């Protein structure tokens, strides 16, 4: 085997190893949550966004006390059923269960690090 073929095979091997490591890292960041919790508020907006990777993104307004300035909680949704439930709940008070995933390397999985896993609509 010539030197140029060895160099080419070494480069291809390193490139394949880098792709596998990146795929493993992405899988781990999407399946291991940093934190989990619930937030309650009024669903202000929910839409699909993105040029290449379309993702479901939304925001709720959290109110701590009457008369206080509401805080926004922005979130992403990966589950189509949760997206349907949220679309039907626009403008209503909801309780969102979420998992926080830090370090996801691309916005193709969501623009925020908070991924909603369940929604309960309140009357």
PDB file of N, CA and C in Angstrom:
ATOM      1  N   UNK A   1       0.848  -1.169   0.000  1.00  0.00           N
ATOM      2  CA  UNK A   1       0.000   0.000   0.000  1.00  0.00           C
ATOM      3  C   UNK A   1       0.898   1.238   0.000  1.00  0.00           C
ATOM      4  N   UNK A   2       0.535   2.189  -0.829  1.00  0.00           N
ATOM      5  CA  UNK A   2       1.355   3.391  -0.936  1.00  0.00           C
ATOM      6  C   UNK A   2       1.048   4.344   0.214  1.00  0.00           C
ATOM      7  N   UNK A   3       1.940   5.277   0.384  1.00  0.00           N
ATOM      8  CA  UNK A   3       1.806   6.257   1.460  1.00  0.00           C
ATOM      9  C   UNK A   3       0.554   7.122   1.281  1.00  0.00           C
ATOM     10  N   UNK A   4       0.256   7.502   0.054  1.00  0.00           N
ATOM     11  CA  UNK A   4      -0.916   8.362  -0.182  1.00  0.00           C
ATOM     12  C   UNK A   4      -2.216   7.605   0.136  1.00  0.00           C
ATOM     13  N   UNK A   5      -2.273   6.308  -0.150  1.00  0.00           N
ATOM     14  CA  UNK A   5      -3.462   5.525   0.180  1.00  0.00           C
ATOM     15  C   UNK A   5      -3.605   5.379   1.694  1.00  0.00           C
ATOM     16  N   UNK A   6      -2.486   5.195   2.379  1.00  0.00           N
ATOM     17  CA  UNK A   6      -2.523   5.088   3.841  1.00  0.00           C
ATOM     18  C   UNK A   6      -3.014   6.388   4.472  1.00  0.00           C
ATOM     19  N   UNK A   7      -2.533   7.499   3.956  1.00  0.00           N
ATOM     20  CA  UNK A   7      -2.958   8.804   4.466  1.00  0.00           C
ATOM     21  C   UNK A   7      -4.450   9.003   4.210  1.00  0.00           C
ATOM     22  N   UNK A   8      -4.928   8.640   3.011  1.00  0.00           N
ATOM     23  CA  UNK A   8      -6.339   8.773   2.670  1.00  0.00           C
ATOM     24  C   UNK A   8      -7.207   7.893   3.575  1.00  0.00           C
ATOM     25  N   UNK A   9      -6.796   6.644   3.788  1.00  0.00           N
ATOM     26  CA  UNK A   9      -7.560   5.746   4.659  1.00  0.00           C
ATOM     27  C   UNK A   9      -7.550   6.237   6.107  1.00  0.00           C
ATOM     28  N   UNK A  10      -6.448   6.776   6.563  1.00  0.00           N
ATOM     29  CA  UNK A  10      -6.366   7.331   7.916  1.00  0.00           C
ATOM     30  C   UNK A  10      -7.305   8.530   8.056  1.00  0.00           C
ATOM     31  N   UNK A  11      -7.330   9.383   7.050  1.00  0.00           N
ATOM     32  CA  UNK A  11      -8.213  10.548   7.066  1.00  0.00           C
ATOM     33  C   UNK A  11      -9.678  10.119   7.091  1.00  0.00           C
ATOM     34  N   UNK A  12     -10.030   9.145   6.258  1.00  0.00           N
ATOM     35  CA  UNK A  12     -11.413   8.650   6.215  1.00  0.00           C
ATOM     36  C   UNK A  12     -11.784   8.019   7.558  1.00  0.00           C
ATOM     37  N   UNK A  13     -10.862   7.275   8.159  1.00  0.00           N
ATOM     38  CA  UNK A  13     -11.114   6.672   9.461  1.00  0.00           C
ATOM     39  C   UNK A  13     -11.322   7.722  10.541  1.00  0.00           C
ATOM     40  N   UNK A  14     -10.501   8.762  10.547  1.00  0.00           N
ATOM     41  CA  UNK A  14     -10.662   9.837  11.523  1.00  0.00           C
ATOM     42  C   UNK A  14     -11.976  10.589  11.317  1.00  0.00           C
ATOM     43  N   UNK A  15     -12.334  10.809  10.071  1.00  0.00           N
ATOM     44  CA  UNK A  15     -13.585  11.486   9.756  1.00  0.00           C
ATOM     45  C   UNK A  15     -14.781  10.650  10.223  1.00  0.00           C
ATOM     46  N   UNK A  16     -14.743   9.343   9.973  1.00  0.00           N
ATOM     47  CA  UNK A  16     -15.823   8.456  10.412  1.00  0.00           C
ATOM     48  C   UNK A  16     -15.911   8.435  11.936  1.00  0.00           C
ATOM     49  N   UNK A  17     -14.770   8.399  12.619  1.00  0.00           N
ATOM     50  CA  UNK A  17     -14.761   8.411  14.086  1.00  0.00           C
ATOM     51  C   UNK A  17     -15.350   9.718  14.620  1.00  0.00           C
ATOM     52  N   UNK A  18     -15.023  10.841  13.993  1.00  0.00           N
ATOM     53  CA  UNK A  18     -15.557  12.135  14.424  1.00  0.00           C
ATOM     54  C   UNK A  18     -17.074  12.184  14.242  1.00  0.00           C
ATOM     55  N   UNK A  19     -17.578  11.653  13.125  1.00  0.00           N
ATOM     56  CA  UNK A  19     -19.023  11.636  12.881  1.00  0.00           C
ATOM     57  C   UNK A  19     -19.718  10.755  13.914  1.00  0.00           C
ATOM     58  N   UNK A  20     -19.147   9.593  14.209  1.00  0.00           N
ATOM     59  CA  UNK A  20     -19.735   8.705  15.210  1.00  0.00           C
ATOM     60  C   UNK A  20     -19.740   9.336  16.600  1.00  0.00           C
ATOM     61  N   UNK A  21     -18.663  10.008  16.957  1.00  0.00           N
ATOM     62  CA  UNK A  21     -18.606  10.686  18.254  1.00  0.00           C
ATOM     63  C   UNK A  21     -19.649  11.804  18.345  1.00  0.00           C
ATOM     64  N   UNK A  22     -19.809  12.562  17.276  1.00  0.00           N
ATOM     65  CA  UNK A  22     -20.805  13.638  17.256  1.00  0.00           C
ATOM     66  C   UNK A  22     -22.218  13.070  17.356  1.00  0.00           C
ATOM     67  N   UNK A  23     -22.481  11.964  16.657  1.00  0.00           N
ATOM     68  CA  UNK A  23     -23.800  11.327  16.729  1.00  0.00           C
ATOM     69  C   UNK A  23     -24.067  10.798  18.134  1.00  0.00           C
ATOM     70  N   UNK A  24     -23.076  10.197  18.759  1.00  0.00           N
ATOM     71  CA  UNK A  24     -23.240   9.681  20.123  1.00  0.00           C
ATOM     72  C   UNK A  24     -23.475  10.823  21.113  1.00  0.00           C
ATOM     73  N   UNK A  25     -22.746  11.919  20.954  1.00  0.00           N
ATOM     74  CA  UNK A  25     -22.913  13.086  21.824  1.00  0.00           C
ATOM     75  C   UNK A  25     -24.322  13.666  21.671  1.00  0.00           C
ATOM     76  N   UNK A  26     -24.785  13.820  20.434  1.00  0.00           N
ATOM     77  CA  UNK A  26     -26.119  14.362  20.183  1.00  0.00           C
ATOM     78  C   UNK A  26     -27.189  13.466  20.788  1.00  0.00           C
ATOM     79  N   UNK A  27     -27.060  12.147  20.602  1.00  0.00           N
ATOM     80  CA  UNK A  27     -28.015  11.207  21.170  1.00  0.00           C
ATOM     81  C   UNK A  27     -28.056  11.349  22.693  1.00  0.00           C
ATOM     82  N   UNK A  28     -26.887  11.420  23.310  1.00  0.00           N
ATOM     83  CA  UNK A  28     -26.814  11.533  24.774  1.00  0.00           C
ATOM     84  C   UNK A  28     -27.458  12.830  25.258  1.00  0.00           C
ATOM     85  N   UNK A  29     -27.215  13.947  24.588  1.00  0.00           N
ATOM     86  CA  UNK A  29     -27.787  15.221  25.016  1.00  0.00           C
ATOM     87  C   UNK A  29     -29.306  15.250  24.867  1.00  0.00           C
ATOM     88  N   UNK A  30     -29.841  14.510  23.890  1.00  0.00           N
ATOM     89  CA  UNK A  30     -31.287  14.482  23.685  1.00  0.00           C
ATOM     90  C   UNK A  30     -31.995  13.488  24.600  1.00  0.00           C
ATOM     91  N   UNK A  31     -31.281  12.512  25.126  1.00  0.00           N
ATOM     92  CA  UNK A  31     -31.919  11.472  25.935  1.00  0.00           C
ATOM     93  C   UNK A  31     -31.600  11.553  27.426  1.00  0.00           C
ATOM     94  N   UNK A  32     -30.655  12.370  27.820  1.00  0.00           N
ATOM     95  CA  UNK A  32     -30.329  12.549  29.236  1.00  0.00           C
ATOM     96  C   UNK A  32     -30.685  13.987  29.602  1.00  0.00           C
ATOM     97  N   UNK A  33     -31.647  14.138  30.517  1.00  0.00           N
ATOM     98  CA  UNK A  33     -32.083  15.490  30.847  1.00  0.00           C
ATOM     99  C   UNK A  33     -31.287  16.054  32.015  1.00  0.00           C
ATOM    100  N   UNK A  34     -31.033  17.335  31.941  1.00  0.00           N
ATOM    101  CA  UNK A  34     -30.340  18.066  33.006  1.00  0.00           C
ATOM    102  C   UNK A  34     -31.296  18.313  34.171  1.00  0.00           C
ATOM    103  N   UNK A  35     -32.526  18.689  33.843  1.00  0.00           N
ATOM    104  CA  UNK A  35     -33.541  18.896  34.873  1.00  0.00           C
ATOM    105  C   UNK A  35     -34.914  18.638  34.276  1.00  0.00           C
ATOM    106  N   UNK A  36     -35.885  18.429  35.154  1.00  0.00           N
ATOM    107  CA  UNK A  36     -37.271  18.227  34.743  1.00  0.00           C
ATOM    108  C   UNK A  36     -38.161  19.027  35.665  1.00  0.00           C
ATOM    109  N   UNK A  37     -39.320  19.439  35.166  1.00  0.00           N
ATOM    110  CA  UNK A  37     -40.214  20.208  36.014  1.00  0.00           C
ATOM    111  C   UNK A  37     -41.510  20.546  35.312  1.00  0.00           C
ATOM    112  N   UNK A  38     -42.252  21.440  35.927  1.00  0.00           N
ATOM    113  CA  UNK A  38     -43.522  21.905  35.379  1.00  0.00           C
ATOM    114  C   UNK A  38     -43.596  23.421  35.474  1.00  0.00           C
ATOM    115  N   UNK A  39     -44.255  24.008  34.522  1.00  0.00           N
ATOM    116  CA  UNK A  39     -44.521  25.448  34.516  1.00  0.00           C
ATOM    117  C   UNK A  39     -45.984  25.642  34.148  1.00  0.00           C
ATOM    118  N   UNK A  40     -46.612  26.611  34.781  1.00  0.00           N
ATOM    119  CA  UNK A  40     -48.013  26.922  34.497  1.00  0.00           C
ATOM    120  C   UNK A  40     -48.120  28.365  34.043  1.00  0.00           C
ATOM    121  N   UNK A  41     -48.969  28.582  33.073  1.00  0.00           N
ATOM    122  CA  UNK A  41     -49.175  29.931  32.577  1.00  0.00           C
ATOM    123  C   UNK A  41     -50.128  29.934  31.404  1.00  0.00           C
ATOM    124  N   UNK A  42     -50.243  31.090  30.768  1.00  0.00           N
ATOM    125  CA  UNK A  42     -51.137  31.252  29.628  1.00  0.00           C
ATOM    126  C   UNK A  42     -50.338  31.107  28.340  1.00  0.00           C
ATOM    127  N   UNK A  43     -50.795  30.201  27.482  1.00  0.00           N
ATOM    128  CA  UNK A  43     -50.106  29.951  26.213  1.00  0.00           C
ATOM    129  C   UNK A  43     -50.313  31.153  25.300  1.00  0.00           C
ATOM    130  N   UNK A  44     -49.241  31.893  25.084  1.00  0.00           N
ATOM    131  CA  UNK A  44     -49.328  33.114  24.297  1.00  0.00           C
ATOM    132  C   UNK A  44     -49.143  32.839  22.814  1.00  0.00           C
ATOM    133  N   UNK A  45     -48.138  32.029  22.464  1.00  0.00           N
ATOM    134  CA  UNK A  45     -47.946  31.714  21.048  1.00  0.00           C
ATOM    135  C   UNK A  45     -47.339  30.341  20.906  1.00  0.00           C
ATOM    136  N   UNK A  46     -47.656  29.713  19.773  1.00  0.00           N
ATOM    137  CA  UNK A  46     -47.145  28.396  19.458  1.00  0.00           C
ATOM    138  C   UNK A  46     -47.141  28.250  17.948  1.00  0.00           C
ATOM    139  N   UNK A  47     -45.973  27.954  17.390  1.00  0.00           N
ATOM    140  CA  UNK A  47     -45.879  27.875  15.932  1.00  0.00           C
ATOM    141  C   UNK A  47     -44.712  26.992  15.532  1.00  0.00           C
ATOM    142  N   UNK A  48     -44.689  26.645  14.259  1.00  0.00           N
ATOM    143  CA  UNK A  48     -43.561  25.911  13.692  1.00  0.00           C
ATOM    144  C   UNK A  48     -42.652  26.930  13.022  1.00  0.00           C
ATOM    145  N   UNK A  49     -41.340  26.808  13.276  1.00  0.00           N
ATOM    146  CA  UNK A  49     -40.378  27.793  12.755  1.00  0.00           C
ATOM    147  C   UNK A  49     -39.153  27.094  12.189  1.00  0.00           C
ATOM    148  N   UNK A  50     -38.425  27.841  11.378  1.00  0.00           N
ATOM    149  CA  UNK A  50     -37.150  27.371  10.865  1.00  0.00           C
ATOM    150  C   UNK A  50     -37.093  27.379   9.355  1.00  0.00           C
ATOM    151  N   UNK A  51     -35.878  27.623   8.827  1.00  0.00           N
ATOM    152  CA  UNK A  51     -35.676  27.609   7.380  1.00  0.00           C
ATOM    153  C   UNK A  51     -35.532  26.184   6.872  1.00  0.00           C
ATOM    154  N   UNK A  52     -34.605  25.452   7.429  1.00  0.00           N
ATOM    155  CA  UNK A  52     -34.321  24.083   6.975  1.00  0.00           C
ATOM    156  C   UNK A  52     -34.979  23.075   7.909  1.00  0.00           C
ATOM    157  N   UNK A  53     -34.723  23.206   9.188  1.00  0.00           N
ATOM    158  CA  UNK A  53     -35.274  22.301  10.199  1.00  0.00           C
ATOM    159  C   UNK A  53     -36.489  22.960  10.840  1.00  0.00           C
ATOM    160  N   UNK A  54     -37.666  22.490  10.522  1.00  0.00           N
ATOM    161  CA  UNK A  54     -38.899  23.031  11.102  1.00  0.00           C
ATOM    162  C   UNK A  54     -39.073  22.449  12.501  1.00  0.00           C
ATOM    163  N   UNK A  55     -39.217  23.328  13.494  1.00  0.00           N
ATOM    164  CA  UNK A  55     -39.423  22.901  14.871  1.00  0.00           C
ATOM    165  C   UNK A  55     -40.626  23.628  15.445  1.00  0.00           C
ATOM    166  N   UNK A  56     -41.273  23.001  16.438  1.00  0.00           N
ATOM    167  CA  UNK A  56     -42.385  23.619  17.144  1.00  0.00           C
ATOM    168  C   UNK A  56     -41.834  24.434  18.292  1.00  0.00           C
ATOM    169  N   UNK A  57     -42.165  25.712  18.337  1.00  0.00           N
ATOM    170  CA  UNK A  57     -41.675  26.625  19.369  1.00  0.00           C
ATOM    171  C   UNK A  57     -42.858  27.390  19.954  1.00  0.00           C
ATOM    172  N   UNK A  58     -42.792  27.672  21.249  1.00  0.00           N
ATOM    173  CA  UNK A  58     -43.882  28.398  21.876  1.00  0.00           C
ATOM    174  C   UNK A  58     -43.419  29.164  23.094  1.00  0.00           C
ATOM    175  N   UNK A  59     -44.360  29.894  23.666  1.00  0.00           N
ATOM    176  CA  UNK A  59     -44.063  30.628  24.896  1.00  0.00           C
ATOM    177  C   UNK A  59     -45.334  30.759  25.719  1.00  0.00           C
ATOM    178  N   UNK A  60     -45.153  30.663  27.028  1.00  0.00           N
ATOM    179  CA  UNK A  60     -46.251  30.909  27.949  1.00  0.00           C
ATOM    180  C   UNK A  60     -45.874  32.082  28.831  1.00  0.00           C
ATOM    181  N   UNK A  61     -46.880  32.758  29.332  1.00  0.00           N
ATOM    182  CA  UNK A  61     -46.679  33.851  30.273  1.00  0.00           C
ATOM    183  C   UNK A  61     -46.916  33.319  31.677  1.00  0.00           C
ATOM    184  N   UNK A  62     -45.906  33.422  32.514  1.00  0.00           N
ATOM    185  CA  UNK A  62     -45.986  32.977  33.898  1.00  0.00           C
ATOM    186  C   UNK A  62     -46.361  34.172  34.762  1.00  0.00           C
ATOM    187  N   UNK A  63     -47.357  34.020  35.591  1.00  0.00           N
ATOM    188  CA  UNK A  63     -47.727  35.096  36.503  1.00  0.00           C
ATOM    189  C   UNK A  63     -47.562  34.596  37.923  1.00  0.00           C
ATOM    190  N   UNK A  64     -46.780  35.304  38.706  1.00  0.00           N
ATOM    191  CA  UNK A  64     -46.541  34.892  40.080  1.00  0.00           C
ATOM    192  C   UNK A  64     -47.587  35.470  41.028  1.00  0.00           C
ATOM    193  N   UNK A  65     -47.928  36.734  40.813  1.00  0.00           N
ATOM    194  CA  UNK A  65     -48.923  37.411  41.653  1.00  0.00           C
ATOM    195  C   UNK A  65     -49.763  38.320  40.770  1.00  0.00           C
ATOM    196  N   UNK A  66     -51.018  38.554  41.153  1.00  0.00           N
ATOM    197  CA  UNK A  66     -51.829  39.492  40.374  1.00  0.00           C
ATOM    198  C   UNK A  66     -51.178  40.874  40.346  1.00  0.00           C
ATOM    199  N   UNK A  67     -51.116  41.454  39.172  1.00  0.00           N
ATOM    200  CA  UNK A  67     -50.533  42.782  39.020  1.00  0.00           C
ATOM    201  C   UNK A  67     -49.042  42.776  38.729  1.00  0.00           C
ATOM    202  N   UNK A  68     -48.385  41.632  38.888  1.00  0.00           N
ATOM    203  CA  UNK A  68     -46.944  41.541  38.614  1.00  0.00           C
ATOM    204  C   UNK A  68     -46.710  41.421  37.105  1.00  0.00           C
ATOM    205  N   UNK A  69     -45.558  41.864  36.677  1.00  0.00           N
ATOM    206  CA  UNK A  69     -45.206  41.745  35.264  1.00  0.00           C
ATOM    207  C   UNK A  69     -44.941  40.275  34.956  1.00  0.00           C
ATOM    208  N   UNK A  70     -45.647  39.701  33.978  1.00  0.00           N
ATOM    209  CA  UNK A  70     -45.474  38.281  33.696  1.00  0.00           C
ATOM    210  C   UNK A  70     -44.105  37.984  33.081  1.00  0.00           C
ATOM    211  N   UNK A  71     -43.585  36.817  33.413  1.00  0.00           N
ATOM    212  CA  UNK A  71     -42.314  36.346  32.859  1.00  0.00           C
ATOM    213  C   UNK A  71     -42.629  35.381  31.721  1.00  0.00           C
ATOM    214  N   UNK A  72     -41.828  35.423  30.660  1.00  0.00           N
ATOM    215  CA  UNK A  72     -42.020  34.526  29.528  1.00  0.00           C
ATOM    216  C   UNK A  72     -41.203  33.249  29.722  1.00  0.00           C
ATOM    217  N   UNK A  73     -41.794  32.121  29.368  1.00  0.00           N
ATOM    218  CA  UNK A  73     -41.096  30.841  29.358  1.00  0.00           C
ATOM    219  C   UNK A  73     -41.178  30.311  27.937  1.00  0.00           C
ATOM    220  N   UNK A  74     -40.027  30.270  27.274  1.00  0.00           N
ATOM    221  CA  UNK A  74     -39.976  29.781  25.898  1.00  0.00           C
ATOM    222  C   UNK A  74     -39.607  28.306  25.906  1.00  0.00           C
ATOM    223  N   UNK A  75     -40.214  27.547  24.991  1.00  0.00           N
ATOM    224  CA  UNK A  75     -40.018  26.104  24.972  1.00  0.00           C
ATOM    225  C   UNK A  75     -40.090  25.559  23.551  1.00  0.00           C
ATOM    226  N   UNK A  76     -39.638  24.322  23.397  1.00  0.00           N
ATOM    227  CA  UNK A  76     -39.699  23.594  22.138  1.00  0.00           C
ATOM    228  C   UNK A  76     -40.492  22.316  22.356  1.00  0.00           C
ATOM    229  N   UNK A  77     -41.045  21.777  21.267  1.00  0.00           N
ATOM    230  CA  UNK A  77     -41.808  20.529  21.324  1.00  0.00           C
ATOM    231  C   UNK A  77     -41.309  19.611  20.215  1.00  0.00           C
ATOM    232  N   UNK A  78     -41.036  18.351  20.567  1.00  0.00           N
ATOM    233  CA  UNK A  78     -40.590  17.365  19.583  1.00  0.00           C
ATOM    234  C   UNK A  78     -41.654  16.328  19.279  1.00  0.00           C
ATOM    235  N   UNK A  79     -42.663  16.193  20.140  1.00  0.00           N
ATOM    236  CA  UNK A  79     -43.710  15.181  20.008  1.00  0.00           C
ATOM    237  C   UNK A  79     -44.915  15.786  19.272  1.00  0.00           C
ATOM    238  N   UNK A  80     -45.354  15.127  18.196  1.00  0.00           N
ATOM    239  CA  UNK A  80     -46.466  15.656  17.385  1.00  0.00           C
ATOM    240  C   UNK A  80     -47.781  15.715  18.170  1.00  0.00           C
ATOM    241  N   UNK A  81     -48.041  14.747  19.047  1.00  0.00           N
ATOM    242  CA  UNK A  81     -49.282  14.763  19.826  1.00  0.00           C
ATOM    243  C   UNK A  81     -49.293  15.937  20.800  1.00  0.00           C
ATOM    244  N   UNK A  82     -48.174  16.217  21.429  1.00  0.00           N
ATOM    245  CA  UNK A  82     -48.073  17.373  22.329  1.00  0.00           C
ATOM    246  C   UNK A  82     -48.265  18.655  21.526  1.00  0.00           C
ATOM    247  N   UNK A  83     -47.728  18.708  20.307  1.00  0.00           N
ATOM    248  CA  UNK A  83     -47.902  19.884  19.447  1.00  0.00           C
ATOM    249  C   UNK A  83     -49.379  20.098  19.113  1.00  0.00           C
ATOM    250  N   UNK A  84     -50.100  19.014  18.833  1.00  0.00           N
ATOM    251  CA  UNK A  84     -51.534  19.129  18.549  1.00  0.00           C
ATOM    252  C   UNK A  84     -52.290  19.640  19.774  1.00  0.00           C
ATOM    253  N   UNK A  85     -51.946  19.101  20.950  1.00  0.00           N
ATOM    254  CA  UNK A  85     -52.611  19.541  22.185  1.00  0.00           C
ATOM    255  C   UNK A  85     -52.357  21.023  22.447  1.00  0.00           C
ATOM    256  N   UNK A  86     -51.143  21.475  22.205  1.00  0.00           N
ATOM    257  CA  UNK A  86     -50.807  22.882  22.422  1.00  0.00           C
ATOM    258  C   UNK A  86     -51.486  23.787  21.402  1.00  0.00           C
ATOM    259  N   UNK A  87     -51.588  23.346  20.177  1.00  0.00           N
ATOM    260  CA  UNK A  87     -52.261  24.142  19.150  1.00  0.00           C
ATOM    261  C   UNK A  87     -53.718  24.382  19.554  1.00  0.00           C
ATOM    262  N   UNK A  88     -54.346  23.368  20.127  1.00  0.00           N
ATOM    263  CA  UNK A  88     -55.740  23.508  20.563  1.00  0.00           C
ATOM    264  C   UNK A  88     -55.866  24.366  21.813  1.00  0.00           C
ATOM    265  N   UNK A  89     -54.786  24.557  22.554  1.00  0.00           N
ATOM    266  CA  UNK A  89     -54.850  25.281  23.831  1.00  0.00           C
ATOM    267  C   UNK A  89     -54.379  26.726  23.738  1.00  0.00           C
ATOM    268  N   UNK A  90     -54.162  27.265  22.565  1.00  0.00           N
ATOM    269  CA  UNK A  90     -53.674  28.635  22.424  1.00  0.00           C
ATOM    270  C   UNK A  90     -54.621  29.613  23.110  1.00  0.00           C
ATOM    271  N   UNK A  91     -54.044  30.462  23.980  1.00  0.00           N
ATOM    272  CA  UNK A  91     -54.820  31.454  24.718  1.00  0.00           C
ATOM    273  C   UNK A  91     -55.357  30.959  26.043  1.00  0.00           C
ATOM    274  N   UNK A  92     -55.196  29.672  26.331  1.00  0.00           N
ATOM    275  CA  UNK A  92     -55.714  29.101  27.572  1.00  0.00           C
ATOM    276  C   UNK A  92     -54.594  28.932  28.597  1.00  0.00           C
ATOM    277  N   UNK A  93     -54.991  28.694  29.842  1.00  0.00           N
ATOM    278  CA  UNK A  93     -54.028  28.407  30.894  1.00  0.00           C
ATOM    279  C   UNK A  93     -53.637  26.933  30.793  1.00  0.00           C
ATOM    280  N   UNK A  94     -52.345  26.673  30.793  1.00  0.00           N
ATOM    281  CA  UNK A  94     -51.833  25.308  30.646  1.00  0.00           C
ATOM    282  C   UNK A  94     -50.781  25.022  31.715  1.00  0.00           C
ATOM    283  N   UNK A  95     -50.589  23.745  31.989  1.00  0.00           N
ATOM    284  CA  UNK A  95     -49.478  23.273  32.815  1.00  0.00           C
ATOM    285  C   UNK A  95     -48.604  22.434  31.899  1.00  0.00           C
ATOM    286  N   UNK A  96     -47.348  22.831  31.766  1.00  0.00           N
ATOM    287  CA  UNK A  96     -46.411  22.138  30.891  1.00  0.00           C
ATOM    288  C   UNK A  96     -45.418  21.335  31.718  1.00  0.00           C
ATOM    289  N   UNK A  97     -45.265  20.061  31.389  1.00  0.00           N
ATOM    290  CA  UNK A  97     -44.191  19.244  31.953  1.00  0.00           C
ATOM    291  C   UNK A  97     -43.062  19.298  30.939  1.00  0.00           C
ATOM    292  N   UNK A  98     -41.840  19.534  31.413  1.00  0.00           N
ATOM    293  CA  UNK A  98     -40.727  19.694  30.491  1.00  0.00           C
ATOM    294  C   UNK A  98     -39.476  19.002  31.006  1.00  0.00           C
ATOM    295  N   UNK A  99     -38.552  18.791  30.088  1.00  0.00           N
ATOM    296  CA  UNK A  99     -37.211  18.295  30.409  1.00  0.00           C
ATOM    297  C   UNK A  99     -36.217  19.269  29.792  1.00  0.00           C
ATOM    298  N   UNK A 100     -35.227  19.651  30.573  1.00  0.00           N
ATOM    299  CA  UNK A 100     -34.205  20.577  30.088  1.00  0.00           C
ATOM    300  C   UNK A 100     -33.007  19.767  29.589  1.00  0.00           C
ATOM    301  N   UNK A 101     -32.620  20.020  28.345  1.00  0.00           N
ATOM    302  CA  UNK A 101     -31.488  19.324  27.731  1.00  0.00           C
ATOM    303  C   UNK A 101     -30.438  20.354  27.338  1.00  0.00           C
ATOM    304  N   UNK A 102     -29.396  20.440  28.137  1.00  0.00           N
ATOM    305  CA  UNK A 102     -28.302  21.379  27.856  1.00  0.00           C
ATOM    306  C   UNK A 102     -27.330  20.765  26.861  1.00  0.00           C
ATOM    307  N   UNK A 103     -26.751  21.592  26.014  1.00  0.00           N
ATOM    308  CA  UNK A 103     -25.674  21.156  25.139  1.00  0.00           C
ATOM    309  C   UNK A 103     -26.087  20.473  23.856  1.00  0.00           C
ATOM    310  N   UNK A 104     -27.353  20.567  23.451  1.00  0.00           N
ATOM    311  CA  UNK A 104     -27.759  19.985  22.171  1.00  0.00           C
ATOM    312  C   UNK A 104     -27.061  20.786  21.076  1.00  0.00           C
ATOM    313  N   UNK A 105     -26.289  20.128  20.193  1.00  0.00           N
ATOM    314  CA  UNK A 105     -25.392  20.856  19.304  1.00  0.00           C
ATOM    315  C   UNK A 105     -26.027  21.587  18.125  1.00  0.00           C
ATOM    316  N   UNK A 106     -27.276  21.386  17.842  1.00  0.00           N
ATOM    317  CA  UNK A 106     -27.894  22.051  16.694  1.00  0.00           C
ATOM    318  C   UNK A 106     -29.317  22.465  17.037  1.00  0.00           C
ATOM    319  N   UNK A 107     -29.836  23.459  16.344  1.00  0.00           N
ATOM    320  CA  UNK A 107     -31.202  23.919  16.580  1.00  0.00           C
ATOM    321  C   UNK A 107     -32.220  23.127  15.773  1.00  0.00           C
ATOM    322  N   UNK A 108     -31.784  22.069  15.094  1.00  0.00           N
ATOM    323  CA  UNK A 108     -32.723  21.227  14.341  1.00  0.00           C
ATOM    324  C   UNK A 108     -33.633  20.419  15.259  1.00  0.00           C
ATOM    325  N   UNK A 109     -33.318  20.340  16.534  1.00  0.00           N
ATOM    326  CA  UNK A 109     -34.143  19.614  17.493  1.00  0.00           C
ATOM    327  C   UNK A 109     -35.000  20.569  18.317  1.00  0.00           C
ATOM    328  N   UNK A 110     -34.765  21.846  18.212  1.00  0.00           N
ATOM    329  CA  UNK A 110     -35.514  22.856  18.950  1.00  0.00           C
ATOM    330  C   UNK A 110     -34.630  24.053  19.219  1.00  0.00           C
ATOM    331  N   UNK A 111     -35.235  25.234  19.248  1.00  0.00           N
ATOM    332  CA  UNK A 111     -34.466  26.459  19.442  1.00  0.00           C
ATOM    333  C   UNK A 111     -34.138  26.733  20.907  1.00  0.00           C
ATOM    334  N   UNK A 112     -34.845  26.077  21.828  1.00  0.00           N
ATOM    335  CA  UNK A 112     -34.584  26.268  23.252  1.00  0.00           C
ATOM    336  C   UNK A 112     -34.029  24.977  23.833  1.00  0.00           C
ATOM    337  N   UNK A 113     -33.625  25.039  25.096  1.00  0.00           N
ATOM    338  CA  UNK A 113     -33.152  23.821  25.759  1.00  0.00           C
ATOM    339  C   UNK A 113     -34.256  23.180  26.596  1.00  0.00           C
ATOM    340  N   UNK A 114     -35.482  23.744  26.550  1.00  0.00           N
ATOM    341  CA  UNK A 114     -36.620  23.207  27.291  1.00  0.00           C
ATOM    342  C   UNK A 114     -37.566  22.495  26.322  1.00  0.00           C
ATOM    343  N   UNK A 115     -37.711  21.180  26.499  1.00  0.00           N
ATOM    344  CA  UNK A 115     -38.551  20.367  25.620  1.00  0.00           C
ATOM    345  C   UNK A 115     -39.781  19.901  26.395  1.00  0.00           C
ATOM    346  N   UNK A 116     -40.960  20.357  25.949  1.00  0.00           N
ATOM    347  CA  UNK A 116     -42.212  20.003  26.610  1.00  0.00           C
ATOM    348  C   UNK A 116     -42.569  18.560  26.263  1.00  0.00           C
ATOM    349  N   UNK A 117     -42.911  17.797  27.316  1.00  0.00           N
ATOM    350  CA  UNK A 117     -43.245  16.383  27.141  1.00  0.00           C
ATOM    351  C   UNK A 117     -44.718  16.094  27.386  1.00  0.00           C
ATOM    352  N   UNK A 118     -45.420  17.014  28.071  1.00  0.00           N
ATOM    353  CA  UNK A 118     -46.831  16.806  28.393  1.00  0.00           C
ATOM    354  C   UNK A 118     -47.486  18.155  28.624  1.00  0.00           C
ATOM    355  N   UNK A 119     -48.753  18.252  28.254  1.00  0.00           N
ATOM    356  CA  UNK A 119     -49.505  19.487  28.465  1.00  0.00           C
ATOM    357  C   UNK A 119     -50.860  19.153  29.069  1.00  0.00           C
ATOM    358  N   UNK A 120     -51.268  19.931  30.068  1.00  0.00           N
ATOM    359  CA  UNK A 120     -52.601  19.796  30.673  1.00  0.00           C
ATOM    360  C   UNK A 120     -53.255  21.170  30.564  1.00  0.00           C
ATOM    361  N   UNK A 121     -54.446  21.207  29.976  1.00  0.00           N
ATOM    362  CA  UNK A 121     -55.177  22.469  29.817  1.00  0.00           C
ATOM    363  C   UNK A 121     -56.084  22.669  31.024  1.00  0.00           C
ATOM    364  N   UNK A 122     -56.048  23.899  31.578  1.00  0.00           N
ATOM    365  CA  UNK A 122     -56.909  24.256  32.701  1.00  0.00           C
ATOM    366  C   UNK A 122     -58.026  25.164  32.210  1.00  0.00           C
ATOM    367  N   UNK A 123     -59.132  25.121  32.882  1.00  0.00           N
ATOM    368  CA  UNK A 123     -60.267  25.963  32.488  1.00  0.00           C
ATOM    369  C   UNK A 123     -60.236  27.286  33.195  1.00  0.00           C
TER     370      UNK A 123
END
